PDB file of N, CA and C in Angstrom:
ATOM      1  N   MET A   1      29.778  14.559  -1.911  1.00  0.00           N
ATOM      2  CA  MET A   1      28.670  14.865  -1.433  1.00  0.00           C
ATOM      3  C   MET A   1      27.845  14.060  -0.190  1.00  0.00           C
ATOM      4  N   SER A   2      27.757  14.516   0.892  1.00  0.00           N
ATOM      5  CA  SER A   2      26.824  13.669   1.777  1.00  0.00           C
ATOM      6  C   SER A   2      25.699  13.590   1.887  1.00  0.00           C
ATOM      7  N   GLU A   3      24.692  12.836   2.463  1.00  0.00           N
ATOM      8  CA  GLU A   3      23.207  12.504   2.325  1.00  0.00           C
ATOM      9  C   GLU A   3      23.040  13.767   2.997  1.00  0.00           C
ATOM     10  N   SER A   4      23.418  14.708   3.976  1.00  0.00           N
ATOM     11  CA  SER A   4      22.195  15.649   4.157  1.00  0.00           C
ATOM     12  C   SER A   4      22.235  16.977   3.143  1.00  0.00           C
ATOM     13  N   ASP A   5      23.363  16.648   2.121  1.00  0.00           N
ATOM     14  CA  ASP A   5      23.742  17.417   1.113  1.00  0.00           C
ATOM     15  C   ASP A   5      22.747  17.439  -0.011  1.00  0.00           C
ATOM     16  N   ALA A   6      22.606  16.124  -0.023  1.00  0.00           N
ATOM     17  CA  ALA A   6      21.859  15.330  -1.356  1.00  0.00           C
ATOM     18  C   ALA A   6      20.279  15.675  -0.896  1.00  0.00           C
ATOM     19  N   PHE A   7      19.841  15.791   0.359  1.00  0.00           N
ATOM     20  CA  PHE A   7      18.679  15.865   1.198  1.00  0.00           C
ATOM     21  C   PHE A   7      18.041  17.436   1.293  1.00  0.00           C
ATOM     22  N   ASP A   8      19.070  17.884   0.926  1.00  0.00           N
ATOM     23  CA  ASP A   8      19.026  19.336   0.800  1.00  0.00           C
ATOM     24  C   ASP A   8      18.545  19.901  -0.702  1.00  0.00           C
ATOM     25  N   LEU A   9      19.107  19.101  -0.808  1.00  0.00           N
ATOM     26  CA  LEU A   9      19.410  19.134  -3.193  1.00  0.00           C
ATOM     27  C   LEU A   9      17.780  19.587  -3.417  1.00  0.00           C
ATOM     28  N   ILE A  10      17.507  18.099  -2.700  1.00  0.00           N
ATOM     29  CA  ILE A  10      16.017  17.085  -3.140  1.00  0.00           C
ATOM     30  C   ILE A  10      14.802  18.300  -2.418  1.00  0.00           C
ATOM     31  N   GLN A  11      14.779  18.558  -1.428  1.00  0.00           N
ATOM     32  CA  GLN A  11      13.653  19.411  -0.969  1.00  0.00           C
ATOM     33  C   GLN A  11      13.630  20.722  -2.042  1.00  0.00           C
ATOM     34  N   LEU A  12      14.965  21.074  -2.504  1.00  0.00           N
ATOM     35  CA  LEU A  12      14.713  22.920  -2.744  1.00  0.00           C
ATOM     36  C   LEU A  12      14.249  22.350  -4.343  1.00  0.00           C
ATOM     37  N   ALA A  13      14.559  20.984  -4.636  1.00  0.00           N
ATOM     38  CA  ALA A  13      13.727  20.960  -6.155  1.00  0.00           C
ATOM     39  C   ALA A  13      12.551  20.514  -5.802  1.00  0.00           C
ATOM     40  N   PHE A  14      12.081  20.449  -5.006  1.00  0.00           N
ATOM     41  CA  PHE A  14      10.068  19.702  -4.873  1.00  0.00           C
ATOM     42  C   PHE A  14       9.761  21.471  -4.326  1.00  0.00           C
ATOM     43  N   TRP A  15      10.435  21.987  -3.698  1.00  0.00           N
ATOM     44  CA  TRP A  15      10.270  23.737  -3.832  1.00  0.00           C
ATOM     45  C   TRP A  15       9.888  24.445  -4.795  1.00  0.00           C
ATOM     46  N   VAL A  16      10.594  24.175  -5.778  1.00  0.00           N
ATOM     47  CA  VAL A  16      10.771  24.864  -6.893  1.00  0.00           C
ATOM     48  C   VAL A  16       9.727  24.554  -7.834  1.00  0.00           C
ATOM     49  N   ILE A  17       9.713  22.964  -7.920  1.00  0.00           N
ATOM     50  CA  ILE A  17       8.158  22.152  -8.314  1.00  0.00           C
ATOM     51  C   ILE A  17       7.273  22.783  -7.863  1.00  0.00           C
ATOM     52  N   VAL A  18       6.993  23.476  -6.375  1.00  0.00           N
ATOM     53  CA  VAL A  18       5.785  23.122  -6.127  1.00  0.00           C
ATOM     54  C   VAL A  18       5.343  25.153  -6.486  1.00  0.00           C
ATOM     55  N   LYS A  19       6.278  26.042  -5.894  1.00  0.00           N
ATOM     56  CA  LYS A  19       6.301  26.989  -6.573  1.00  0.00           C
ATOM     57  C   LYS A  19       5.998  27.580  -7.965  1.00  0.00           C
ATOM     58  N   GLY A  20       6.699  26.358  -8.417  1.00  0.00           N
ATOM     59  CA  GLY A  20       6.450  26.766 -10.299  1.00  0.00           C
ATOM     60  C   GLY A  20       4.925  26.492 -10.561  1.00  0.00           C
ATOM     61  N   SER A  21       4.778  25.189 -10.120  1.00  0.00           N
ATOM     62  CA  SER A  21       3.438  24.563 -10.760  1.00  0.00           C
ATOM     63  C   SER A  21       2.098  25.324  -9.492  1.00  0.00           C
ATOM     64  N   GLY A  22       2.622  25.929  -9.363  1.00  0.00           N
ATOM     65  CA  GLY A  22       1.231  26.324  -7.924  1.00  0.00           C
ATOM     66  C   GLY A  22       0.304  27.234  -8.675  1.00  0.00           C
ATOM     67  N   PRO A  23       0.994  28.043  -9.414  1.00  0.00           N
ATOM     68  CA  PRO A  23      -0.097  29.488  -9.974  1.00  0.00           C
ATOM     69  C   PRO A  23      -0.942  28.578 -11.004  1.00  0.00           C
ATOM     70  N   ALA A  24      -0.319  27.320 -11.382  1.00  0.00           N
ATOM     71  CA  ALA A  24      -1.229  26.699 -12.732  1.00  0.00           C
ATOM     72  C   ALA A  24      -2.385  26.056 -12.086  1.00  0.00           C
ATOM     73  N   VAL A  25      -1.750  25.511 -11.358  1.00  0.00           N
ATOM     74  CA  VAL A  25      -2.617  24.184 -10.255  1.00  0.00           C
ATOM     75  C   VAL A  25      -3.557  24.969  -9.770  1.00  0.00           C
ATOM     76  N   GLY A  26      -3.450  26.072  -8.842  1.00  0.00           N
ATOM     77  CA  GLY A  26      -4.418  26.818  -8.546  1.00  0.00           C
ATOM     78  C   GLY A  26      -5.389  27.312  -9.109  1.00  0.00           C
ATOM     79  N   THR A  27      -5.230  27.821 -10.445  1.00  0.00           N
ATOM     80  CA  THR A  27      -5.844  28.339 -11.574  1.00  0.00           C
ATOM     81  C   THR A  27      -6.824  27.253 -11.857  1.00  0.00           C
ATOM     82  N   ALA A  28      -6.288  25.885 -12.387  1.00  0.00           N
ATOM     83  CA  ALA A  28      -6.873  25.533 -12.603  1.00  0.00           C
ATOM     84  C   ALA A  28      -7.400  24.695 -11.509  1.00  0.00           C
ATOM     85  N   MET A  29      -7.872  24.594 -10.563  1.00  0.00           N
ATOM     86  CA  MET A  29      -8.343  24.615  -9.221  1.00  0.00           C
ATOM     87  C   MET A  29     -10.148  25.358  -9.001  1.00  0.00           C
ATOM     88  N   LEU A  30      -9.461  26.570  -9.310  1.00  0.00           N
ATOM     89  CA  LEU A  30     -10.382  27.182  -9.398  1.00  0.00           C
ATOM     90  C   LEU A  30     -11.618  27.427 -10.085  1.00  0.00           C
ATOM     91  N   VAL A  31     -10.904  27.052 -11.780  1.00  0.00           N
ATOM     92  CA  VAL A  31     -11.698  27.529 -12.193  1.00  0.00           C
ATOM     93  C   VAL A  31     -12.730  26.159 -12.896  1.00  0.00           C
ATOM     94  N   GLY A  32     -11.914  25.116 -11.958  1.00  0.00           N
ATOM     95  CA  GLY A  32     -13.104  23.663 -12.405  1.00  0.00           C
ATOM     96  C   GLY A  32     -13.540  23.738 -11.773  1.00  0.00           C
ATOM     97  N   ILE A  33     -13.604  24.599 -10.285  1.00  0.00           N
ATOM     98  CA  ILE A  33     -15.101  24.517  -9.118  1.00  0.00           C
ATOM     99  C   ILE A  33     -15.885  25.549  -9.831  1.00  0.00           C
ATOM    100  N   GLY A  34     -15.338  26.737 -10.402  1.00  0.00           N
ATOM    101  CA  GLY A  34     -16.757  27.795 -10.797  1.00  0.00           C
ATOM    102  C   GLY A  34     -17.748  27.076 -11.572  1.00  0.00           C
ATOM    103  N   VAL A  35     -16.432  26.519 -12.924  1.00  0.00           N
ATOM    104  CA  VAL A  35     -17.600  25.417 -13.757  1.00  0.00           C
ATOM    105  C   VAL A  35     -18.426  24.359 -13.853  1.00  0.00           C
ATOM    106  N   ALA A  36     -18.068  23.811 -12.256  1.00  0.00           N
ATOM    107  CA  ALA A  36     -18.794  22.946 -11.888  1.00  0.00           C
ATOM    108  C   ALA A  36     -20.611  23.531 -11.162  1.00  0.00           C
ATOM    109  N   LEU A  37     -19.925  24.600 -10.154  1.00  0.00           N
ATOM    110  CA  LEU A  37     -20.924  25.456 -10.048  1.00  0.00           C
ATOM    111  C   LEU A  37     -21.939  25.834 -10.775  1.00  0.00           C
ATOM    112  N   LEU A  38     -21.352  26.525 -11.921  1.00  0.00           N
ATOM    113  CA  LEU A  38     -22.291  26.691 -12.619  1.00  0.00           C
ATOM    114  C   LEU A  38     -22.894  26.131 -13.719  1.00  0.00           C
ATOM    115  N   GLN A  39     -22.322  24.457 -14.442  1.00  0.00           N
ATOM    116  CA  GLN A  39     -22.686  23.608 -14.250  1.00  0.00           C
ATOM    117  C   GLN A  39     -23.803  22.974 -13.451  1.00  0.00           C
ATOM    118  N   ALA A  40     -23.531  22.948 -12.520  1.00  0.00           N
ATOM    119  CA  ALA A  40     -24.714  22.073 -11.394  1.00  0.00           C
ATOM    120  C   ALA A  40     -25.818  23.458 -10.781  1.00  0.00           C
ATOM    121  N   LEU A  41     -25.414  24.974 -11.357  1.00  0.00           N
ATOM    122  CA  LEU A  41     -26.582  25.296 -10.997  1.00  0.00           C
ATOM    123  C   LEU A  41     -27.307  25.276 -12.711  1.00  0.00           C
ATOM    124  N   THR A  42     -26.777  25.728 -13.517  1.00  0.00           N
ATOM    125  CA  THR A  42     -28.054  25.268 -14.668  1.00  0.00           C
ATOM    126  C   THR A  42     -28.249  24.196 -14.981  1.00  0.00           C
ATOM    127  N   GLN A  43     -27.716  22.994 -14.480  1.00  0.00           N
ATOM    128  CA  GLN A  43     -27.956  21.587 -15.002  1.00  0.00           C
ATOM    129  C   GLN A  43     -27.255  20.826 -16.706  1.00  0.00           C
ATOM    130  N   VAL A  44     -26.515  21.789 -17.094  1.00  0.00           N
ATOM    131  CA  VAL A  44     -25.680  21.861 -18.095  1.00  0.00           C
ATOM    132  C   VAL A  44     -25.081  20.808 -18.382  1.00  0.00           C
ATOM    133  N   GLN A  45     -24.700  19.604 -18.178  1.00  0.00           N
ATOM    134  CA  GLN A  45     -23.304  18.292 -18.300  1.00  0.00           C
ATOM    135  C   GLN A  45     -22.855  18.589 -19.432  1.00  0.00           C
ATOM    136  N   GLU A  46     -22.308  18.944 -20.291  1.00  0.00           N
ATOM    137  CA  GLU A  46     -21.317  18.958 -21.605  1.00  0.00           C
ATOM    138  C   GLU A  46     -19.739  18.514 -20.923  1.00  0.00           C
ATOM    139  N   MET A  47     -19.731  17.768 -20.871  1.00  0.00           N
ATOM    140  CA  MET A  47     -18.188  17.118 -20.798  1.00  0.00           C
ATOM    141  C   MET A  47     -16.852  18.475 -21.435  1.00  0.00           C
ATOM    142  N   THR A  48     -17.544  18.822 -22.537  1.00  0.00           N
ATOM    143  CA  THR A  48     -16.582  20.167 -23.438  1.00  0.00           C
ATOM    144  C   THR A  48     -16.463  21.457 -22.459  1.00  0.00           C
ATOM    145  N   LEU A  49     -17.152  21.396 -21.565  1.00  0.00           N
ATOM    146  CA  LEU A  49     -17.246  22.786 -20.907  1.00  0.00           C
ATOM    147  C   LEU A  49     -15.993  22.889 -19.731  1.00  0.00           C
ATOM    148  N   THR A  50     -16.017  21.919 -19.633  1.00  0.00           N
ATOM    149  CA  THR A  50     -14.634  22.510 -18.541  1.00  0.00           C
ATOM    150  C   THR A  50     -13.522  22.182 -19.204  1.00  0.00           C
ATOM    151  N   PHE A  51     -13.371  21.759 -19.954  1.00  0.00           N
ATOM    152  CA  PHE A  51     -11.753  21.529 -20.760  1.00  0.00           C
ATOM    153  C   PHE A  51     -11.519  22.915 -20.857  1.00  0.00           C
ATOM    154  N   VAL A  52     -12.051  24.059 -21.861  1.00  0.00           N
ATOM    155  CA  VAL A  52     -11.248  25.498 -22.741  1.00  0.00           C
ATOM    156  C   VAL A  52     -11.395  25.883 -21.919  1.00  0.00           C
ATOM    157  N   PRO A  53     -12.431  26.453 -20.291  1.00  0.00           N
ATOM    158  CA  PRO A  53     -11.966  27.309 -19.869  1.00  0.00           C
ATOM    159  C   PRO A  53     -10.430  27.200 -18.900  1.00  0.00           C
ATOM    160  N   LYS A  54     -10.567  26.156 -18.245  1.00  0.00           N
ATOM    161  CA  LYS A  54      -9.142  25.176 -17.685  1.00  0.00           C
ATOM    162  C   LYS A  54      -7.665  25.945 -18.662  1.00  0.00           C
ATOM    163  N   ILE A  55      -8.330  25.246 -19.715  1.00  0.00           N
ATOM    164  CA  ILE A  55      -7.071  25.539 -20.647  1.00  0.00           C
ATOM    165  C   ILE A  55      -6.687  27.398 -20.655  1.00  0.00           C
ATOM    166  N   ILE A  56      -7.679  27.556 -21.429  1.00  0.00           N
ATOM    167  CA  ILE A  56      -7.902  29.122 -21.741  1.00  0.00           C
ATOM    168  C   ILE A  56      -7.221  29.753 -20.199  1.00  0.00           C
ATOM    169  N   ALA A  57      -7.697  29.555 -19.237  1.00  0.00           N
ATOM    170  CA  ALA A  57      -7.010  30.353 -18.214  1.00  0.00           C
ATOM    171  C   ALA A  57      -5.310  30.068 -17.531  1.00  0.00           C
ATOM    172  N   ILE A  58      -5.315  28.326 -17.291  1.00  0.00           N
ATOM    173  CA  ILE A  58      -4.287  28.207 -17.130  1.00  0.00           C
ATOM    174  C   ILE A  58      -3.100  28.603 -18.704  1.00  0.00           C
ATOM    175  N   LEU A  59      -3.073  28.760 -19.417  1.00  0.00           N
ATOM    176  CA  LEU A  59      -2.267  29.500 -20.236  1.00  0.00           C
ATOM    177  C   LEU A  59      -2.515  30.936 -20.141  1.00  0.00           C
ATOM    178  N   VAL A  60      -3.047  31.260 -19.997  1.00  0.00           N
ATOM    179  CA  VAL A  60      -3.196  33.401 -19.107  1.00  0.00           C
ATOM    180  C   VAL A  60      -1.826  33.432 -18.149  1.00  0.00           C
ATOM    181  N   VAL A  61      -2.203  32.131 -16.999  1.00  0.00           N
ATOM    182  CA  VAL A  61      -1.463  32.226 -15.131  1.00  0.00           C
ATOM    183  C   VAL A  61      -0.369  32.009 -16.049  1.00  0.00           C
ATOM    184  N   LEU A  62       0.110  31.313 -16.747  1.00  0.00           N
ATOM    185  CA  LEU A  62       1.795  30.850 -17.607  1.00  0.00           C
ATOM    186  C   LEU A  62       2.209  31.628 -17.765  1.00  0.00           C
ATOM    187  N   VAL A  63       1.745  32.950 -19.335  1.00  0.00           N
ATOM    188  CA  VAL A  63       2.038  33.583 -19.671  1.00  0.00           C
ATOM    189  C   VAL A  63       2.121  34.743 -18.784  1.00  0.00           C
ATOM    190  N   LEU A  64       1.004  34.970 -17.722  1.00  0.00           N
ATOM    191  CA  LEU A  64       1.576  36.205 -16.849  1.00  0.00           C
ATOM    192  C   LEU A  64       2.174  35.604 -15.366  1.00  0.00           C
ATOM    193  N   SER A  65       2.646  34.578 -15.292  1.00  0.00           N
ATOM    194  CA  SER A  65       3.791  33.958 -14.047  1.00  0.00           C
ATOM    195  C   SER A  65       4.929  33.453 -14.877  1.00  0.00           C
ATOM    196  N   GLY A  66       4.850  33.493 -16.025  1.00  0.00           N
ATOM    197  CA  GLY A  66       6.168  32.698 -16.441  1.00  0.00           C
ATOM    198  C   GLY A  66       7.572  33.221 -16.001  1.00  0.00           C
ATOM    199  N   PRO A  67       7.999  34.749 -15.907  1.00  0.00           N
ATOM    200  CA  PRO A  67       9.257  35.381 -15.340  1.00  0.00           C
ATOM    201  C   PRO A  67       8.993  34.581 -14.169  1.00  0.00           C
ATOM    202  N   PHE A  68       7.975  35.054 -12.891  1.00  0.00           N
ATOM    203  CA  PHE A  68       8.965  34.595 -11.731  1.00  0.00           C
ATOM    204  C   PHE A  68       8.937  32.721 -11.252  1.00  0.00           C
ATOM    205  N   ILE A  69       8.260  32.210 -12.700  1.00  0.00           N
ATOM    206  CA  ILE A  69       8.722  30.215 -12.811  1.00  0.00           C
ATOM    207  C   ILE A  69      10.050  30.513 -13.010  1.00  0.00           C
ATOM    208  N   GLY A  70      10.612  31.343 -14.559  1.00  0.00           N
ATOM    209  CA  GLY A  70      12.012  31.412 -14.776  1.00  0.00           C
ATOM    210  C   GLY A  70      12.768  31.624 -13.536  1.00  0.00           C
ATOM    211  N   GLU A  71      12.517  32.526 -13.019  1.00  0.00           N
ATOM    212  CA  GLU A  71      13.325  33.219 -12.005  1.00  0.00           C
ATOM    213  C   GLU A  71      13.570  32.117 -10.650  1.00  0.00           C
ATOM    214  N   GLN A  72      12.449  31.211 -10.116  1.00  0.00           N
ATOM    215  CA  GLN A  72      13.021  30.643  -9.293  1.00  0.00           C
ATOM    216  C   GLN A  72      13.650  28.820  -9.970  1.00  0.00           C
ATOM    217  N   MET A  73      13.515  28.994 -11.348  1.00  0.00           N
ATOM    218  CA  MET A  73      14.103  27.808 -11.656  1.00  0.00           C
ATOM    219  C   MET A  73      16.016  28.495 -12.122  1.00  0.00           C
ATOM    220  N   LEU A  74      16.254  29.893 -12.506  1.00  0.00           N
ATOM    221  CA  LEU A  74      17.029  30.463 -12.208  1.00  0.00           C
ATOM    222  C   LEU A  74      18.159  30.404 -10.750  1.00  0.00           C
ATOM    223  N   ALA A  75      17.107  31.007  -9.932  1.00  0.00           N
ATOM    224  CA  ALA A  75      17.859  30.517  -8.565  1.00  0.00           C
ATOM    225  C   ALA A  75      18.142  29.391  -8.085  1.00  0.00           C
ATOM    226  N   PHE A  76      17.194  28.458  -8.307  1.00  0.00           N
ATOM    227  CA  PHE A  76      17.737  26.952  -8.130  1.00  0.00           C
ATOM    228  C   PHE A  76      19.365  26.290  -9.027  1.00  0.00           C
ATOM    229  N   THR A  77      18.798  26.864 -10.040  1.00  0.00           N
ATOM    230  CA  THR A  77      19.862  25.962 -11.323  1.00  0.00           C
ATOM    231  C   THR A  77      21.756  26.968 -10.720  1.00  0.00           C
ATOM    232  N   GLN A  78      21.359  28.107 -10.153  1.00  0.00           N
ATOM    233  CA  GLN A  78      22.496  28.814  -9.977  1.00  0.00           C
ATOM    234  C   GLN A  78      23.090  28.041  -8.247  1.00  0.00           C
ATOM    235  N   ASN A  79      22.306  27.487  -7.506  1.00  0.00           N
ATOM    236  CA  ASN A  79      22.258  27.545  -6.133  1.00  0.00           C
ATOM    237  C   ASN A  79      22.768  25.582  -6.500  1.00  0.00           C
ATOM    238  N   VAL A  80      22.765  25.050  -7.804  1.00  0.00           N
ATOM    239  CA  VAL A  80      23.120  23.669  -7.741  1.00  0.00           C
ATOM    240  C   VAL A  80      24.505  23.988  -8.387  1.00  0.00           C
ATOM    241  N   TYR A  81      25.230  24.967  -9.526  1.00  0.00           N
ATOM    242  CA  TYR A  81      26.023  24.888  -9.780  1.00  0.00           C
ATOM    243  C   TYR A  81      27.337  25.610  -9.073  1.00  0.00           C
ATOM    244  N   SER A  82      26.650  26.934  -7.860  1.00  0.00           N
ATOM    245  CA  SER A  82      27.587  27.186  -6.938  1.00  0.00           C
ATOM    246  C   SER A  82      27.939  25.929  -6.073  1.00  0.00           C
ATOM    247  N   ARG A  83      27.551  25.009  -5.455  1.00  0.00           N
ATOM    248  CA  ARG A  83      27.382  24.330  -4.726  1.00  0.00           C
ATOM    249  C   ARG A  83      28.675  22.838  -6.029  1.00  0.00           C
ATOM    250  N   ILE A  84      27.878  22.495  -7.244  1.00  0.00           N
ATOM    251  CA  ILE A  84      29.441  22.195  -7.720  1.00  0.00           C
ATOM    252  C   ILE A  84      30.691  22.637  -7.989  1.00  0.00           C
ATOM    253  N   GLU A  85      30.442  23.835  -8.276  1.00  0.00           N
ATOM    254  CA  GLU A  85      31.479  24.942  -8.176  1.00  0.00           C
ATOM    255  C   GLU A  85      32.837  24.293  -6.816  1.00  0.00           C
ATOM    256  N   LYS A  86      31.851  24.309  -5.172  1.00  0.00           N
ATOM    257  CA  LYS A  86      32.605  25.176  -4.257  1.00  0.00           C
ATOM    258  C   LYS A  86      32.897  23.724  -3.309  1.00  0.00           C
ATOM    259  N   GLY A  87      32.415  22.355  -4.513  1.00  0.00           N
ATOM    260  CA  GLY A  87      32.532  20.916  -3.877  1.00  0.00           C
ATOM    261  C   GLY A  87      31.389  20.606  -2.656  1.00  0.00           C
ATOM    262  N   PHE A  88      30.746  21.036  -3.110  1.00  0.00           N
ATOM    263  CA  PHE A  88      29.138  20.867  -1.500  1.00  0.00           C
ATOM    264  C   PHE A  88      30.003  21.367  -0.167  1.00  0.00           C
TER     265      PHE A  88
END
């Protein structure tokens, strides 16, 4: 395995991580901004108010995007196994 092959695998792994975590991170950001805006408008500064909506939203998004995340991980794994089989 050459350095370019290793770099290619690392790059693919990072893209799988970004694509897999993207929906959950994006949802957490949007819900966090929405809750922060609601807290600023109503002047309710309750710390636990930010966690519960985020947790619920992230769980819903993970359930809905689970097949997509699994598909991305499966494609990456098959790519790595095919490279091992071919000898890079």
